[in-house]
Amino acid sequence: MWRASVLTIFPELFPGPLGASLAGRALGQKIWSCEAIDIRDFAADKHRSVDDTPAGGGPGMVMRADVLARAIDAAAPASDLRSRILLTPRGKPLLQSRVRELAAGPGVVLVSGRFEGVDERVVEMRGLEEISIGDYVLSGGEIAALVLIDACVRLLPGVMGKEASHAEESFEAGLLEYPHYTKPQEFEGRPIPEVLNSGHHGKVAAWRREQAEKATRERRPDLWGKRKDDPPKKA
């Protein structure tokens, strides 16, 4: 079973939307598990404090190293082989390649930061991998944790109906996904592209590839540039 443990001060947020649809069904089938751990349970004072003022001054509060370290150690002892991840806007971007690696492993331990951030010492001393889901700032890491878990769970064996489904999705080949169409044949005067009704699988595949490349060039020039910069693969 693939295991996700989330360290948070809002454990009631989990599994949240992950309890519905494909992820929810897989959760019920015990293909994966979701454990929400309240960081406040590891505080040492009667107020269950998890944060304090930043050293050197400045605005906001910082999550304490000692409290967070106790929570991490309880969730993932030294024998636990799962990746320990801190969701933070300063982390490396979450890419599909990393999602595949995480989905192929035993699971993840996710630290949902709050306030101005977490004490750097716990990041270093507990070997936290810092990951970001985008160049913007959220109120906390919980939403980012949900995103990461969902991206991994859908790749687990038995979750999606057809293995070919995610082989053709955005980012799997370094391209955005091609456009999709279905009934009705004509909608508000606009028909489905003729090639998709041709029954010629080769032509359909070529059209889809062309459309995927076009979308990537226009919408994600960074991805397109990376494809051009990558050396060709040897057969």
Protein backbone atom coordinates (compact mmCIF):
# COMPACT_ATOMS: atom_id res chain seq x y z
CA MET A 1 0.00 0.00 0.00
CA TRP A 2 1.24 3.49 -0.92
CA ARG A 3 1.18 5.62 2.25
CA ALA A 4 0.79 9.38 2.59
CA SER A 5 1.35 11.03 5.96
CA VAL A 6 0.64 14.75 6.20
CA LEU A 7 1.95 16.87 9.06
CA THR A 8 -0.33 19.86 9.50
CA ILE A 9 -2.04 22.10 12.04
CA PHE A 10 -5.30 21.50 10.15
CA PRO A 11 -5.71 17.70 10.04
CA GLU A 12 -9.43 18.07 9.33
CA LEU A 13 -8.56 19.10 5.76
CA PHE A 14 -7.58 15.52 4.88
CA PRO A 15 -8.43 13.50 2.89
CA GLY A 16 -10.76 16.28 1.69
CA PRO A 17 -11.29 16.05 -2.07
CA LEU A 18 -9.02 13.00 -2.14
CA GLY A 19 -11.88 11.08 -0.55
CA ALA A 20 -13.92 11.40 -3.76
CA SER A 21 -13.73 10.17 -7.36
CA LEU A 22 -10.81 7.94 -8.44
CA ALA A 23 -8.62 8.74 -5.44
CA GLY A 24 -11.50 8.16 -3.03
CA ARG A 25 -12.37 4.81 -4.56
CA ALA A 26 -8.72 3.76 -4.41
CA LEU A 27 -8.59 4.90 -0.78
CA GLY A 28 -11.57 2.68 -0.01
CA GLN A 29 -9.90 -0.22 -1.81
CA LYS A 30 -6.78 0.29 0.33
CA ILE A 31 -4.57 0.93 -2.69
CA TRP A 32 -3.25 3.88 -0.70
CA SER A 33 -3.72 5.40 2.74
CA CYS A 34 -3.86 8.95 4.08
CA GLU A 35 -2.82 9.83 7.63
CA ALA A 36 -3.17 13.41 8.89
CA ILE A 37 -0.95 14.19 11.88
CA ASP A 38 -1.63 17.27 14.00
CA ILE A 39 1.68 19.05 14.64
CA ARG A 40 0.14 20.69 17.72
CA ASP A 41 0.04 17.27 19.41
CA PHE A 42 3.82 17.53 19.74
CA ALA A 43 3.93 20.94 21.39
CA ALA A 44 5.29 21.11 24.94
CA ASP A 45 3.17 23.90 26.43
CA LYS A 46 -0.47 24.10 27.46
CA HIS A 47 -1.25 26.42 24.54
CA ARG A 48 0.02 23.80 22.04
CA SER A 49 2.27 26.40 20.42
CA VAL A 50 4.03 25.40 17.21
CA ASP A 51 5.55 28.76 16.23
CA ASP A 52 7.55 31.68 17.61
CA THR A 53 8.98 35.02 16.53
CA PRO A 54 11.73 34.95 13.88
CA ALA A 55 15.34 35.21 15.04
CA GLY A 56 16.79 38.54 13.91
CA GLY A 57 13.38 40.19 13.92
CA GLY A 58 10.90 40.71 11.14
CA PRO A 59 7.20 40.11 10.49
CA GLY A 60 5.22 36.97 11.08
CA MET A 61 6.02 33.78 12.94
CA VAL A 62 8.19 30.72 12.22
CA MET A 63 7.40 27.07 12.95
CA ARG A 64 9.63 25.77 15.74
CA ALA A 65 12.30 23.19 14.93
CA ASP A 66 11.82 21.14 18.10
CA VAL A 67 8.05 20.74 17.79
CA LEU A 68 8.15 19.95 14.09
CA ALA A 69 11.07 17.52 14.51
CA ARG A 70 9.12 15.54 17.11
CA ALA A 71 6.17 15.31 14.72
CA ILE A 72 8.39 14.16 11.85
CA ASP A 73 10.13 11.57 13.99
CA ALA A 74 6.80 10.15 15.12
CA ALA A 75 5.43 10.01 11.57
CA ALA A 76 8.58 8.67 9.94
CA PRO A 77 11.21 6.97 12.12
CA ALA A 78 14.65 6.29 10.70
CA SER A 79 13.50 2.95 9.26
CA ASP A 80 10.80 4.65 7.15
CA LEU A 81 12.00 4.80 3.54
CA ARG A 82 9.41 7.30 2.34
CA SER A 83 10.50 10.68 0.96
CA ARG A 84 10.19 13.54 3.45
CA ILE A 85 8.92 16.63 1.69
CA LEU A 86 8.32 20.21 2.79
CA LEU A 87 5.78 22.05 0.63
CA THR A 88 7.17 25.56 0.21
CA PRO A 89 7.22 28.25 -2.52
CA ARG A 90 11.02 28.27 -2.39
CA GLY A 91 11.23 24.57 -3.30
CA LYS A 92 12.01 22.98 -6.65
CA PRO A 93 9.03 22.89 -9.02
CA LEU A 94 6.98 19.71 -8.85
CA LEU A 95 7.42 17.98 -12.21
CA GLN A 96 5.70 14.93 -13.63
CA SER A 97 9.02 13.08 -13.61
CA ARG A 98 9.29 13.53 -9.83
CA VAL A 99 5.64 12.53 -9.41
CA ARG A 100 6.36 9.25 -11.23
CA GLU A 101 9.32 8.58 -8.94
CA LEU A 102 7.27 9.25 -5.81
CA ALA A 103 4.37 7.12 -7.04
CA ALA A 104 6.76 4.23 -7.66
CA GLY A 105 8.02 4.37 -4.07
CA PRO A 106 6.45 3.43 -0.73
CA GLY A 107 4.76 6.80 -0.22
CA VAL A 108 5.47 10.28 1.12
CA VAL A 109 5.71 12.20 4.38
CA LEU A 110 4.54 15.75 3.71
CA VAL A 111 5.16 18.73 5.95
CA SER A 112 2.61 21.49 5.41
CA GLY A 113 4.31 24.71 6.40
CA ARG A 114 2.44 27.70 7.81
CA PHE A 115 3.22 31.25 8.89
CA GLU A 116 6.46 32.70 7.42
CA GLY A 117 8.05 29.28 7.10
CA VAL A 118 9.81 26.65 9.21
CA ASP A 119 13.07 26.74 11.14
CA GLU A 120 15.88 25.97 8.69
CA ARG A 121 17.53 23.57 11.13
CA VAL A 122 14.70 21.06 10.93
CA VAL A 123 14.81 21.24 7.12
CA GLU A 124 18.49 20.35 7.14
CA MET A 125 18.60 17.92 10.06
CA ARG A 126 15.55 15.91 8.98
CA GLY A 127 16.54 15.89 5.32
CA LEU A 128 13.40 17.54 4.00
CA GLU A 129 13.11 17.82 0.22
CA GLU A 130 11.62 21.22 -0.60
CA ILE A 131 8.98 21.19 -3.34
CA SER A 132 6.80 23.95 -4.81
CA ILE A 133 3.65 23.51 -6.89
CA GLY A 134 3.99 26.93 -8.54
CA ASP A 135 5.38 30.44 -8.43
CA TYR A 136 2.79 31.86 -6.07
CA VAL A 137 2.19 31.93 -2.33
CA LEU A 138 -0.56 29.99 -0.54
CA SER A 139 -1.72 30.41 3.06
CA GLY A 140 -0.14 27.07 3.90
CA GLY A 141 1.12 23.81 2.48
CA GLU A 142 -2.10 21.81 2.84
CA ILE A 143 -3.45 22.57 -0.64
CA ALA A 144 -0.04 21.83 -2.13
CA ALA A 145 0.00 18.52 -0.23
CA LEU A 146 -3.38 17.59 -1.72
CA VAL A 147 -2.06 18.41 -5.19
CA LEU A 148 1.05 16.28 -4.77
CA ILE A 149 -0.85 13.31 -3.34
CA ASP A 150 -3.48 13.43 -6.10
CA ALA A 151 -0.79 13.54 -8.80
CA CYS A 152 0.85 10.44 -7.30
CA VAL A 153 -2.27 8.43 -6.47
CA ARG A 154 -3.65 8.53 -10.00
CA LEU A 155 -0.47 6.77 -11.21
CA LEU A 156 -0.77 3.88 -8.76
CA PRO A 157 -1.64 0.51 -10.34
CA GLY A 158 -5.36 -0.11 -10.32
CA VAL A 159 -6.44 3.53 -9.87
CA MET A 160 -6.97 4.56 -13.49
CA GLY A 161 -8.91 2.39 -15.91
CA LYS A 162 -6.47 2.31 -18.80
CA GLU A 163 -2.70 2.44 -18.49
CA ALA A 164 -2.60 4.21 -21.86
CA SER A 165 -4.62 7.09 -20.40
CA HIS A 166 -1.80 8.74 -18.50
CA ALA A 167 0.79 7.84 -21.13
CA GLU A 168 -0.79 10.45 -23.43
CA GLU A 169 -1.43 13.16 -20.83
CA SER A 170 0.22 16.55 -20.55
CA PHE A 171 3.92 16.49 -19.59
CA GLU A 172 4.35 12.71 -20.03
CA ALA A 173 6.23 13.25 -23.30
CA GLY A 174 7.41 16.77 -22.50
CA LEU A 175 4.39 18.20 -24.32
CA LEU A 176 1.01 19.60 -23.37
CA GLU A 177 -1.90 17.36 -24.21
CA TYR A 178 -3.70 17.59 -27.57
CA PRO A 179 -7.31 18.90 -27.68
CA HIS A 180 -10.21 16.49 -27.16
CA TYR A 181 -13.63 16.24 -28.84
CA THR A 182 -16.77 14.15 -28.42
CA LYS A 183 -20.47 14.24 -29.34
CA PRO A 184 -22.33 16.11 -30.70
CA GLN A 185 -20.72 15.98 -34.12
CA GLU A 186 -21.43 19.70 -34.56
CA PHE A 187 -21.68 22.24 -31.76
CA GLU A 188 -22.90 25.79 -32.44
CA GLY A 189 -21.82 25.51 -36.05
CA ARG A 190 -18.39 24.09 -35.29
CA PRO A 191 -17.76 20.46 -36.32
CA ILE A 192 -15.28 17.97 -34.90
CA PRO A 193 -12.02 18.11 -36.95
CA GLU A 194 -12.48 15.86 -39.95
CA VAL A 195 -9.33 13.82 -39.35
CA LEU A 196 -10.77 12.49 -36.06
CA ASN A 197 -13.65 10.91 -37.99
CA SER A 198 -11.41 9.42 -40.68
CA GLY A 199 -10.80 6.08 -38.96
CA HIS A 200 -7.14 6.37 -40.02
CA HIS A 201 -5.19 5.76 -36.80
CA GLY A 202 -1.90 6.98 -38.28
CA LYS A 203 -3.38 10.27 -39.40
CA VAL A 204 -5.14 10.75 -36.07
CA ALA A 205 -1.89 10.13 -34.17
CA ALA A 206 0.00 12.57 -36.41
CA TRP A 207 -2.68 15.23 -35.94
CA ARG A 208 -2.65 14.82 -32.20
CA ARG A 209 1.14 15.07 -32.11
CA GLU A 210 1.03 18.22 -34.25
CA GLN A 211 -1.60 19.79 -32.00
CA ALA A 212 0.35 18.90 -28.85
CA GLU A 213 3.50 20.49 -30.26
CA LYS A 214 1.57 23.59 -31.35
CA ALA A 215 0.01 24.03 -27.90
CA THR A 216 3.36 23.58 -26.20
CA ARG A 217 5.11 26.11 -28.45
CA GLU A 218 2.39 28.70 -27.93
CA ARG A 219 1.51 28.21 -24.26
CA ARG A 220 4.67 26.85 -22.67
CA PRO A 221 7.72 28.08 -24.59
CA ASP A 222 9.82 27.05 -21.59
CA LEU A 223 8.85 23.40 -22.11
CA TRP A 224 9.30 23.66 -25.86
CA GLY A 225 12.73 25.20 -25.43
CA LYS A 226 13.76 22.43 -23.09
CA ARG A 227 12.72 19.83 -25.65
CA LYS A 228 14.84 21.51 -28.29
CA ASP A 229 17.79 21.74 -25.93
CA ASP A 230 17.67 18.06 -24.93
CA PRO A 231 20.05 15.85 -26.90
CA PRO A 232 18.34 13.30 -29.14
CA LYS A 233 17.89 9.90 -27.54
CA LYS A 234 19.76 6.95 -29.01
CA ALA A 235 17.69 4.08 -30.31
